[in-house]
Protein backbone atom coordinates (compact mmCIF):
# COMPACT_ATOMS: atom_id res chain seq x y z
CA MET A 1 -26.16 8.07 4.26
CA SER A 2 -23.52 5.69 5.65
CA PHE A 3 -22.13 2.70 3.78
CA ARG A 4 -24.21 0.33 5.92
CA GLU A 5 -27.37 2.32 5.22
CA LYS A 6 -26.63 2.24 1.49
CA TYR A 7 -26.13 -1.50 1.76
CA ASN A 8 -29.29 -2.04 3.83
CA SER A 9 -31.33 -0.11 1.27
CA TYR A 10 -29.86 -2.30 -1.48
CA TYR A 11 -30.52 -5.72 0.14
CA LEU A 12 -33.87 -6.20 1.90
CA LYS A 13 -33.51 -8.86 4.61
CA SER A 14 -34.72 -9.38 8.17
CA ASN A 15 -32.84 -7.44 10.86
CA ILE A 16 -31.01 -10.48 12.25
CA GLU A 17 -30.07 -11.83 8.82
CA MET A 18 -29.15 -8.33 7.76
CA LYS A 19 -26.77 -7.84 10.69
CA ILE A 20 -24.90 -11.08 10.01
CA HIS A 21 -25.00 -10.80 6.25
CA SER A 22 -24.09 -7.12 6.13
CA ASN A 23 -21.07 -7.66 8.38
CA ALA A 24 -19.90 -10.49 6.15
CA LEU A 25 -20.44 -8.36 3.07
CA LEU A 26 -18.57 -5.40 4.53
CA VAL A 27 -15.55 -7.61 5.15
CA SER A 28 -15.78 -9.24 1.73
CA LEU A 29 -16.05 -5.88 0.00
CA TRP A 30 -13.07 -4.63 2.02
CA LEU A 31 -10.91 -7.58 0.95
CA SER A 32 -12.19 -8.09 -2.61
CA PRO A 33 -9.69 -5.72 -4.34
CA ILE A 34 -6.78 -7.42 -2.56
CA ILE A 35 -8.04 -10.93 -3.27
CA VAL A 36 -8.39 -10.16 -6.98
CA MET A 37 -4.90 -8.69 -7.07
CA LEU A 38 -3.42 -11.73 -5.31
CA CYS A 39 -5.25 -14.09 -7.66
CA ILE A 40 -3.34 -12.43 -10.49
CA ARG A 41 0.05 -11.80 -8.92
CA VAL A 42 0.64 -15.01 -6.94
CA PRO A 43 0.16 -17.36 -9.93
CA TRP A 44 2.38 -14.97 -11.91
CA LEU A 45 5.11 -15.40 -9.28
CA VAL A 46 4.71 -19.20 -9.22
CA VAL A 47 4.72 -19.63 -13.00
CA ALA A 48 7.43 -17.08 -13.82
CA GLY A 49 9.66 -17.90 -10.87
CA ALA A 50 11.12 -15.43 -8.38
CA GLU A 51 13.96 -14.22 -10.62
CA ARG A 52 11.77 -13.47 -13.64
CA PHE A 53 9.06 -12.01 -11.40
CA PHE A 54 11.35 -9.52 -9.65
CA VAL A 55 13.80 -8.98 -12.52
CA PRO A 56 11.71 -8.83 -15.73
CA PHE A 57 13.40 -9.08 -19.12
CA SER A 58 12.06 -5.81 -20.50
CA GLU A 59 10.75 -2.41 -19.47
CA LEU A 60 7.31 -3.30 -20.82
CA GLU A 61 7.18 -6.46 -18.72
CA PHE A 62 8.20 -4.53 -15.60
CA TYR A 63 5.49 -1.89 -15.94
CA LEU A 64 2.92 -4.49 -17.00
CA GLY A 65 3.53 -6.35 -13.75
CA GLN A 66 3.40 -3.22 -11.60
CA SER A 67 0.35 -1.81 -13.37
CA THR A 68 -1.53 -5.10 -13.08
CA LYS A 69 -1.08 -4.97 -9.33
CA TYR A 70 -2.31 -1.42 -8.85
CA LEU A 71 -4.98 -1.39 -11.56
CA SER A 72 -6.59 -4.57 -10.23
CA ILE A 73 -6.94 -3.01 -6.77
CA LEU A 74 -8.13 0.32 -8.16
CA SER A 75 -10.62 -1.11 -10.67
CA ILE A 76 -12.34 -3.44 -8.17
CA MET A 77 -12.47 -0.68 -5.57
CA LEU A 78 -14.00 1.78 -8.05
CA PHE A 79 -16.51 -0.84 -9.20
CA ILE A 80 -17.67 -1.39 -5.60
CA MET A 81 -17.85 2.36 -5.02
CA PHE A 82 -19.96 2.78 -8.16
CA LYS A 83 -22.21 -0.16 -7.23
CA PHE A 84 -23.00 1.27 -3.80
CA SER A 85 -22.93 4.97 -4.75
CA ILE A 86 -19.86 5.69 -2.63
CA SER A 87 -18.32 8.99 -3.67
CA PHE A 88 -14.66 9.96 -3.62
CA ARG A 89 -15.52 12.35 -0.81
CA ASP A 90 -16.80 9.36 1.18
CA ILE A 91 -13.30 7.84 1.13
CA GLY A 92 -11.52 11.05 2.08
CA ILE A 93 -10.68 12.60 -1.28
CA TRP A 94 -11.73 16.14 -0.51
CA THR A 95 -10.17 19.25 0.99
CA THR A 96 -10.12 23.01 0.84
CA PHE A 97 -7.14 25.23 0.16
CA ARG A 98 -6.79 26.18 3.83
CA LEU A 99 -7.15 22.59 5.05
CA ALA A 100 -4.77 21.31 2.36
CA LEU A 101 -1.93 23.51 3.62
CA GLY A 102 -2.19 22.04 7.10
CA ASP A 103 -2.65 18.49 5.78
CA ILE A 104 0.44 18.75 3.58
CA LEU A 105 2.49 20.02 6.53
CA HIS A 106 1.23 17.18 8.73
CA GLY A 107 2.02 14.64 6.03
CA GLY A 108 5.56 15.95 5.69
CA VAL A 109 6.18 15.88 9.43
CA PHE A 110 4.84 12.33 9.78
CA ALA A 111 6.91 11.19 6.78
CA LEU A 112 10.10 12.51 8.39
CA PHE A 113 9.11 10.96 11.71
CA TYR A 114 8.56 7.59 10.02
CA ILE A 115 11.92 7.82 8.24
CA LEU A 116 13.62 8.65 11.55
CA ILE A 117 12.00 5.66 13.30
CA THR A 118 12.91 3.20 10.56
CA TRP A 119 16.45 4.59 10.28
CA VAL A 120 17.05 4.10 14.01
CA ALA A 121 15.48 0.62 13.89
CA SER A 122 17.61 -0.36 10.90
CA ILE A 123 20.75 0.02 13.03
CA PHE A 124 19.58 -2.92 15.15
CA PHE A 125 18.69 -4.94 12.04
CA ILE A 126 22.24 -4.90 10.60
CA PRO A 127 23.17 -8.34 12.07
CA PHE A 128 20.27 -9.89 10.16
CA ILE A 129 21.30 -8.58 6.71
CA PRO A 130 21.87 -11.60 4.45
CA GLU A 131 25.19 -12.22 2.74
CA ARG A 132 25.75 -11.20 -0.86
CA ALA A 133 23.52 -13.32 -3.08
CA GLU A 134 24.39 -15.10 -6.32
CA THR A 135 20.79 -15.99 -7.13
CA VAL A 136 17.38 -14.72 -6.00
CA PHE A 137 16.36 -16.36 -2.74
CA PHE A 138 13.90 -15.74 0.10
CA ASN A 139 15.12 -14.59 3.51
CA LEU A 140 12.76 -14.49 6.51
CA PHE A 141 13.97 -11.06 7.63
CA TYR A 142 14.57 -9.34 4.27
CA GLY A 143 12.27 -11.19 1.88
CA TYR A 144 13.37 -11.91 -1.66
CA VAL A 145 17.04 -11.00 -1.91
CA ILE A 146 18.10 -9.97 -5.41
CA PRO A 147 21.77 -10.13 -6.47
CA VAL A 148 23.34 -6.74 -7.13
CA ASP A 149 24.16 -7.64 -10.73
CA LYS A 150 20.49 -8.49 -11.32
CA MET A 151 19.37 -5.15 -9.87
CA LEU A 152 21.86 -3.33 -12.09
CA GLU A 153 20.62 -5.35 -15.06
CA LEU A 154 17.02 -4.33 -14.32
CA ILE A 155 17.85 -0.65 -13.84
CA SER A 156 19.83 -0.66 -17.09
CA ILE A 157 16.67 -1.45 -19.10
CA LEU A 158 14.52 1.14 -17.30
CA ASN A 159 14.39 4.87 -17.88
CA PRO A 160 15.37 6.18 -14.41
CA TRP A 161 13.10 9.23 -14.63
CA ILE A 162 10.03 7.24 -15.66
CA TYR A 163 10.84 4.63 -13.01
CA ALA A 164 11.23 7.28 -10.29
CA VAL A 165 8.01 9.11 -11.19
CA TYR A 166 5.98 5.91 -11.56
CA MET A 167 7.20 4.21 -8.36
CA THR A 168 6.82 7.44 -6.38
CA THR A 169 3.31 8.43 -7.43
CA ILE A 170 1.27 5.36 -8.44
CA PRO A 171 1.82 3.27 -5.28
CA ALA A 172 1.29 6.31 -3.04
CA ILE A 173 -2.01 7.32 -4.64
CA VAL A 174 -3.53 3.85 -5.09
CA GLU A 175 -2.41 2.49 -1.72
CA GLU A 176 -3.62 5.54 0.20
CA MET A 177 -6.95 5.51 -1.63
CA TYR A 178 -7.46 1.86 -0.72
CA PHE A 179 -5.91 1.49 2.75
CA ARG A 180 -6.34 4.87 4.43
CA GLY A 181 -9.38 5.92 2.37
CA TYR A 182 -11.58 3.03 1.27
CA SER A 183 -10.59 0.63 4.08
CA ILE A 184 -10.82 3.00 7.02
CA ASN A 185 -14.11 4.56 5.91
CA LEU A 186 -15.63 1.16 5.17
CA LEU A 187 -14.40 -0.52 8.34
CA ARG A 188 -15.60 2.25 10.63
CA ASN A 189 -19.11 1.16 9.65
CA PHE A 190 -18.15 -2.36 10.75
CA SER A 191 -16.57 -1.31 14.06
CA GLY A 192 -17.09 1.93 15.94
CA ASN A 193 -13.67 1.54 17.57
CA LEU A 194 -11.28 3.54 15.40
CA TRP A 195 -8.24 1.96 17.07
CA ILE A 196 -9.41 -1.44 15.83
CA VAL A 197 -10.15 0.02 12.39
CA ASN A 198 -6.67 1.50 12.19
CA LEU A 199 -5.10 -1.75 13.38
CA LEU A 200 -6.99 -3.78 10.75
CA GLN A 201 -6.02 -1.62 7.78
CA ALA A 202 -2.39 -1.35 8.95
CA SER A 203 -2.17 -5.13 9.44
CA LEU A 204 -3.42 -5.80 5.92
CA PHE A 205 -1.09 -3.14 4.51
CA SER A 206 1.93 -4.69 6.22
CA ALA A 207 0.95 -8.27 5.36
CA LEU A 208 0.89 -7.41 1.66
CA HIS A 209 4.59 -6.47 1.91
CA TRP A 210 5.50 -10.03 2.98
CA TYR A 211 7.83 -10.36 0.00
CA ARG A 212 10.19 -7.85 1.66
CA GLY A 213 10.46 -10.00 4.78
CA LEU A 214 9.82 -9.24 8.44
CA LEU A 215 12.36 -6.46 9.00
CA ALA A 216 12.31 -4.75 5.58
CA GLY A 217 8.60 -5.09 4.84
CA ILE A 218 6.09 -6.28 7.42
CA LEU A 219 7.34 -4.36 10.48
CA PRO A 220 8.13 -0.97 8.87
CA MET A 221 4.95 -1.08 6.77
CA PHE A 222 2.89 -1.79 9.90
CA ILE A 223 4.40 1.28 11.56
CA PHE A 224 3.75 3.26 8.37
CA GLY A 225 0.12 2.09 8.23
CA ILE A 226 -0.53 2.89 11.89
CA LEU A 227 1.04 6.36 11.64
CA PHE A 228 -0.74 7.46 8.49
CA GLY A 229 -3.99 5.77 9.48
CA PHE A 230 -3.91 7.76 12.72
CA LEU A 231 -3.13 10.94 10.80
CA THR A 232 -6.00 10.32 8.37
CA ILE A 233 -8.48 9.75 11.20
CA LYS A 234 -7.18 12.80 13.08
CA ASN A 235 -7.65 14.96 9.97
CA ASN A 236 -11.34 14.10 9.69
CA PHE A 237 -10.62 11.16 7.33
CA ARG A 238 -9.12 13.37 4.62
CA LEU A 239 -6.39 11.69 2.54
CA THR A 240 -4.33 14.77 1.67
CA SER A 241 -1.85 14.31 4.52
CA ALA A 242 -1.43 10.55 4.00
CA ILE A 243 -0.87 10.91 0.26
CA THR A 244 1.63 13.74 0.84
CA GLY A 245 3.55 11.71 3.40
CA HIS A 246 3.55 8.60 1.23
CA LEU A 247 4.85 10.59 -1.74
CA ILE A 248 7.70 12.01 0.36
CA VAL A 249 8.69 8.59 1.73
CA ASN A 250 8.58 7.02 -1.74
CA MET A 251 10.54 9.87 -3.29
CA LEU A 252 13.33 9.62 -0.73
CA SER A 253 13.39 5.80 -0.89
CA ILE A 254 13.56 5.68 -4.69
CA SER A 255 16.19 8.42 -4.80
CA LEU A 256 18.42 6.59 -2.31
CA TYR A 257 17.89 3.29 -4.13
CA LEU A 258 18.89 4.73 -7.52
CA ARG A 259 21.78 6.65 -5.98
CA GLY A 260 23.03 3.49 -4.30
CA LEU A 261 22.96 1.51 -7.55
CA GLU A 262 24.73 4.38 -9.31
CA MET A 263 27.51 4.31 -6.73
CA ILE A 264 27.88 0.53 -7.14
CA GLN A 265 28.22 0.94 -10.90
């Protein structure tokens, strides 16, 4: 039974009212986890200020902020799935040993392809890199720019191994479950055009990285979303390849970030 059929069996309305109301509900259920997360994180940013928000005073505060973001998305998504009897298999969390081998290979290849694209593109973005900052400020192209001394201060209070494992795995798993799993499988009941579905989930994914700016966040994350959305659809909506690719990209990004700060020190 599809998501729409599960919904139609849950709410008994006339066909015309059902068509309008079910479409509205599908969209609202798609966006609800993100809206809840933003309702928590945006006021946090406004009240705390950019510097405190991006450079917390303690390790506990850092992981509390990160965990609030991902747990709010995950908890609302799981609640909706439970409410409408949507299984993990329905959002692409299933595989077999034979399929997993191919999916992991595909994920690795797409991850390297994405890294190559963004690396080449970054050469053309060099003129837009902001000057060295003394305080945290927002730049249209690179988002919130954090002074090097503040980044070093933050890293000094974090265990690098815990930081690397957390920032590699948690974002990859939660984001792929929501964007390439939950979103794509929900939206394909809203639109039969999978190109539109892929475009919608990738657009939302990139928009939520606004704080990194146009060139460091929105554009590369849109490319990432399109690539791994396409790969997920191509692999019969299984998430194995997308999660694998996301883990590889995160691992390389975090490793380079920590190595760069180590060299500065």
